[in-house]
Amino acid sequence: MFPTLFILLYLGHLLADYPLQTDHQAAHKADRCAAGWAANLTHAATHMATCAAALTLGTLVLDDVTVSVPAALVALLWIGSTHAFIDRRWPVQWWMSHAGQTSWAANGGAAHVDQTAHVLALVLAALALAA
């Protein structure tokens, strides 16, 4: 069930991170002010909602997907909180600085590290749901 759960969560992630993320959220989700936190948390809530919708659809139409509601709620909270944390941008900058990737960071690498961190969080959520 893990591969199916991961694909469903990844679909929710892609929908929330690209077609459903507003320009305002993308520009301000890392700002250190109330408006920045509002943009960040609204974006994270969109992730939780799209992943919830994907999991619900999966359990309704796929025979091999069964998820308990409490486990799904914990996974969705994990997805939302890790997404909000990663999207503050400083964790990715910190990682790249300490991993010796400052040149790559200056040349567009941060987006790749950001997405890798999000995918890792989704893998851990799917593993927990499948256990």
C-alpha atoms as a PDB file:
ATOM      1  CA  MET A   1       0.000   0.000   0.000  1.00  0.00           C
ATOM      2  CA  PHE A   2       2.982   2.339   0.507  1.00  0.00           C
ATOM      3  CA  PRO A   3       3.503   3.141  -3.215  1.00  0.00           C
ATOM      4  CA  THR A   4      -0.160   4.003  -3.685  1.00  0.00           C
ATOM      5  CA  LEU A   5      -0.240   6.179  -0.575  1.00  0.00           C
ATOM      6  CA  PHE A   6       2.926   7.979  -1.624  1.00  0.00           C
ATOM      7  CA  ILE A   7       1.541   8.694  -5.103  1.00  0.00           C
ATOM      8  CA  LEU A   8      -1.701  10.041  -3.620  1.00  0.00           C
ATOM      9  CA  LEU A   9       0.187  12.290  -1.190  1.00  0.00           C
ATOM     10  CA  TYR A  10       2.596  13.427  -3.905  1.00  0.00           C
ATOM     11  CA  LEU A  11      -0.353  14.338  -6.140  1.00  0.00           C
ATOM     12  CA  GLY A  12      -1.804  16.410  -3.294  1.00  0.00           C
ATOM     13  CA  HIS A  13       1.590  18.060  -2.828  1.00  0.00           C
ATOM     14  CA  LEU A  14       1.975  18.929  -6.507  1.00  0.00           C
ATOM     15  CA  LEU A  15      -1.524  20.397  -6.690  1.00  0.00           C
ATOM     16  CA  ALA A  16      -0.967  22.537  -3.594  1.00  0.00           C
ATOM     17  CA  ASP A  17       2.558  23.646  -4.484  1.00  0.00           C
ATOM     18  CA  TYR A  18       1.917  24.646  -8.083  1.00  0.00           C
ATOM     19  CA  PRO A  19      -1.599  25.264  -9.477  1.00  0.00           C
ATOM     20  CA  LEU A  20      -3.169  26.107  -6.093  1.00  0.00           C
ATOM     21  CA  GLN A  21      -0.397  28.270  -4.621  1.00  0.00           C
ATOM     22  CA  THR A  22      -1.122  31.957  -5.116  1.00  0.00           C
ATOM     23  CA  ASP A  23       1.488  34.480  -6.178  1.00  0.00           C
ATOM     24  CA  HIS A  24       1.058  36.167  -2.793  1.00  0.00           C
ATOM     25  CA  GLN A  25       1.765  32.924  -0.921  1.00  0.00           C
ATOM     26  CA  ALA A  26       4.823  32.168  -3.039  1.00  0.00           C
ATOM     27  CA  ALA A  27       6.229  35.661  -2.568  1.00  0.00           C
ATOM     28  CA  HIS A  28       5.487  36.107   1.127  1.00  0.00           C
ATOM     29  CA  LYS A  29       5.362  32.688   2.868  1.00  0.00           C
ATOM     30  CA  ALA A  30       8.872  33.210   4.280  1.00  0.00           C
ATOM     31  CA  ASP A  31       8.354  36.827   5.387  1.00  0.00           C
ATOM     32  CA  ARG A  32       8.993  37.419   9.087  1.00  0.00           C
ATOM     33  CA  CYS A  33       5.749  39.177   9.863  1.00  0.00           C
ATOM     34  CA  ALA A  34       2.104  38.335  10.497  1.00  0.00           C
ATOM     35  CA  ALA A  35       1.276  38.515   6.783  1.00  0.00           C
ATOM     36  CA  GLY A  36       4.145  36.130   6.020  1.00  0.00           C
ATOM     37  CA  TRP A  37       2.947  33.632   8.605  1.00  0.00           C
ATOM     38  CA  ALA A  38      -0.604  33.933   7.259  1.00  0.00           C
ATOM     39  CA  ALA A  39       0.591  33.206   3.717  1.00  0.00           C
ATOM     40  CA  ASN A  40       2.719  30.304   4.967  1.00  0.00           C
ATOM     41  CA  LEU A  41      -0.004  28.710   7.071  1.00  0.00           C
ATOM     42  CA  THR A  42      -2.662  29.161   4.389  1.00  0.00           C
ATOM     43  CA  HIS A  43      -0.346  27.431   1.918  1.00  0.00           C
ATOM     44  CA  ALA A  44       0.329  24.621   4.412  1.00  0.00           C
ATOM     45  CA  ALA A  45      -3.421  24.233   5.012  1.00  0.00           C
ATOM     46  CA  THR A  46      -3.906  23.895   1.253  1.00  0.00           C
ATOM     47  CA  HIS A  47      -1.399  21.028   1.339  1.00  0.00           C
ATOM     48  CA  MET A  48      -3.308  19.346   4.119  1.00  0.00           C
ATOM     49  CA  ALA A  49      -6.606  19.757   2.255  1.00  0.00           C
ATOM     50  CA  THR A  50      -5.334  18.479  -1.088  1.00  0.00           C
ATOM     51  CA  CYS A  51      -3.583  15.516   0.537  1.00  0.00           C
ATOM     52  CA  ALA A  52      -6.752  14.764   2.519  1.00  0.00           C
ATOM     53  CA  ALA A  53      -8.789  14.874  -0.681  1.00  0.00           C
ATOM     54  CA  ALA A  54      -6.326  12.581  -2.445  1.00  0.00           C
ATOM     55  CA  LEU A  55      -6.340  10.093   0.445  1.00  0.00           C
ATOM     56  CA  THR A  56     -10.135  10.169   0.606  1.00  0.00           C
ATOM     57  CA  LEU A  57     -10.442   9.594  -3.130  1.00  0.00           C
ATOM     58  CA  GLY A  58      -7.912   6.768  -2.912  1.00  0.00           C
ATOM     59  CA  THR A  59      -9.792   5.003  -0.130  1.00  0.00           C
ATOM     60  CA  LEU A  60     -13.077   5.349  -2.009  1.00  0.00           C
ATOM     61  CA  VAL A  61     -11.987   4.081  -5.426  1.00  0.00           C
ATOM     62  CA  LEU A  62      -8.983   1.829  -4.810  1.00  0.00           C
ATOM     63  CA  ASP A  63      -9.408  -1.608  -3.269  1.00  0.00           C
ATOM     64  CA  ASP A  64      -5.917  -1.725  -1.750  1.00  0.00           C
ATOM     65  CA  VAL A  65      -6.083   1.566   0.183  1.00  0.00           C
ATOM     66  CA  THR A  66      -7.367   1.593   3.735  1.00  0.00           C
ATOM     67  CA  VAL A  67      -6.377   4.291   6.160  1.00  0.00           C
ATOM     68  CA  SER A  68      -7.598   4.889   9.679  1.00  0.00           C
ATOM     69  CA  VAL A  69      -8.935   8.374  10.338  1.00  0.00           C
ATOM     70  CA  PRO A  70      -6.658   9.025  13.350  1.00  0.00           C
ATOM     71  CA  ALA A  71      -3.574   7.936  11.398  1.00  0.00           C
ATOM     72  CA  ALA A  72      -4.610  10.083   8.452  1.00  0.00           C
ATOM     73  CA  LEU A  73      -5.077  13.112  10.726  1.00  0.00           C
ATOM     74  CA  VAL A  74      -1.608  12.645  12.214  1.00  0.00           C
ATOM     75  CA  ALA A  75      -0.101  12.254   8.724  1.00  0.00           C
ATOM     76  CA  LEU A  76      -1.878  15.379   7.501  1.00  0.00           C
ATOM     77  CA  LEU A  77      -0.673  17.386  10.499  1.00  0.00           C
ATOM     78  CA  TRP A  78       2.858  16.120   9.799  1.00  0.00           C
ATOM     79  CA  ILE A  79       2.566  17.162   6.140  1.00  0.00           C
ATOM     80  CA  GLY A  80       1.221  20.612   7.005  1.00  0.00           C
ATOM     81  CA  SER A  81       3.734  21.341   9.751  1.00  0.00           C
ATOM     82  CA  THR A  82       6.778  20.108   7.839  1.00  0.00           C
ATOM     83  CA  HIS A  83       5.668  21.992   4.758  1.00  0.00           C
ATOM     84  CA  ALA A  84       5.268  25.216   6.731  1.00  0.00           C
ATOM     85  CA  PHE A  85       8.694  24.729   8.333  1.00  0.00           C
ATOM     86  CA  ILE A  86      10.512  23.976   5.068  1.00  0.00           C
ATOM     87  CA  ASP A  87       8.817  26.889   3.294  1.00  0.00           C
ATOM     88  CA  ARG A  88      10.139  29.423   5.790  1.00  0.00           C
ATOM     89  CA  ARG A  89      13.209  29.093   3.501  1.00  0.00           C
ATOM     90  CA  TRP A  90      15.825  29.441   6.225  1.00  0.00           C
ATOM     91  CA  PRO A  91      15.965  25.634   6.838  1.00  0.00           C
ATOM     92  CA  VAL A  92      16.910  25.050   3.193  1.00  0.00           C
ATOM     93  CA  GLN A  93      19.415  27.907   3.280  1.00  0.00           C
ATOM     94  CA  TRP A  94      20.893  26.527   6.508  1.00  0.00           C
ATOM     95  CA  TRP A  95      21.194  23.033   5.019  1.00  0.00           C
ATOM     96  CA  MET A  96      22.833  24.245   1.814  1.00  0.00           C
ATOM     97  CA  SER A  97      25.260  26.454   3.718  1.00  0.00           C
ATOM     98  CA  HIS A  98      26.296  23.630   6.060  1.00  0.00           C
ATOM     99  CA  ALA A  99      26.430  21.034   3.266  1.00  0.00           C
ATOM    100  CA  GLY A 100      28.864  23.136   1.235  1.00  0.00           C
ATOM    101  CA  GLN A 101      26.290  23.996  -1.432  1.00  0.00           C
ATOM    102  CA  THR A 102      26.447  27.801  -1.428  1.00  0.00           C
ATOM    103  CA  SER A 103      27.350  27.978  -5.125  1.00  0.00           C
ATOM    104  CA  TRP A 104      24.497  25.654  -6.046  1.00  0.00           C
ATOM    105  CA  ALA A 105      22.143  27.668  -3.813  1.00  0.00           C
ATOM    106  CA  ALA A 106      23.126  30.838  -5.665  1.00  0.00           C
ATOM    107  CA  ASN A 107      22.356  29.131  -8.984  1.00  0.00           C
ATOM    108  CA  GLY A 108      18.853  27.774  -8.371  1.00  0.00           C
ATOM    109  CA  GLY A 109      19.608  24.727  -6.266  1.00  0.00           C
ATOM    110  CA  ALA A 110      17.426  25.794  -3.345  1.00  0.00           C
ATOM    111  CA  ALA A 111      14.235  24.836  -5.198  1.00  0.00           C
ATOM    112  CA  HIS A 112      15.575  21.290  -5.658  1.00  0.00           C
ATOM    113  CA  VAL A 113      16.582  20.935  -2.013  1.00  0.00           C
ATOM    114  CA  ASP A 114      13.196  22.366  -0.969  1.00  0.00           C
ATOM    115  CA  GLN A 115      11.297  19.819  -3.060  1.00  0.00           C
ATOM    116  CA  THR A 116      13.530  16.968  -1.860  1.00  0.00           C
ATOM    117  CA  ALA A 117      12.734  17.887   1.751  1.00  0.00           C
ATOM    118  CA  HIS A 118       9.007  17.932   0.953  1.00  0.00           C
ATOM    119  CA  VAL A 119       9.198  14.540  -0.771  1.00  0.00           C
ATOM    120  CA  LEU A 120      11.063  13.096   2.226  1.00  0.00           C
ATOM    121  CA  ALA A 121       8.243  14.290   4.505  1.00  0.00           C
ATOM    122  CA  LEU A 122       5.682  12.673   2.167  1.00  0.00           C
ATOM    123  CA  VAL A 123       7.611   9.393   2.099  1.00  0.00           C
ATOM    124  CA  LEU A 124       7.670   9.311   5.902  1.00  0.00           C
ATOM    125  CA  ALA A 125       3.918  10.050   6.023  1.00  0.00           C
ATOM    126  CA  ALA A 126       3.162   7.307   3.489  1.00  0.00           C
ATOM    127  CA  LEU A 127       5.354   4.840   5.395  1.00  0.00           C
ATOM    128  CA  ALA A 128       3.552   5.650   8.644  1.00  0.00           C
ATOM    129  CA  LEU A 129       0.154   5.262   7.001  1.00  0.00           C
ATOM    130  CA  ALA A 130       1.134   1.942   5.428  1.00  0.00           C
ATOM    131  CA  ALA A 131       2.547   0.487   8.652  1.00  0.00           C
END
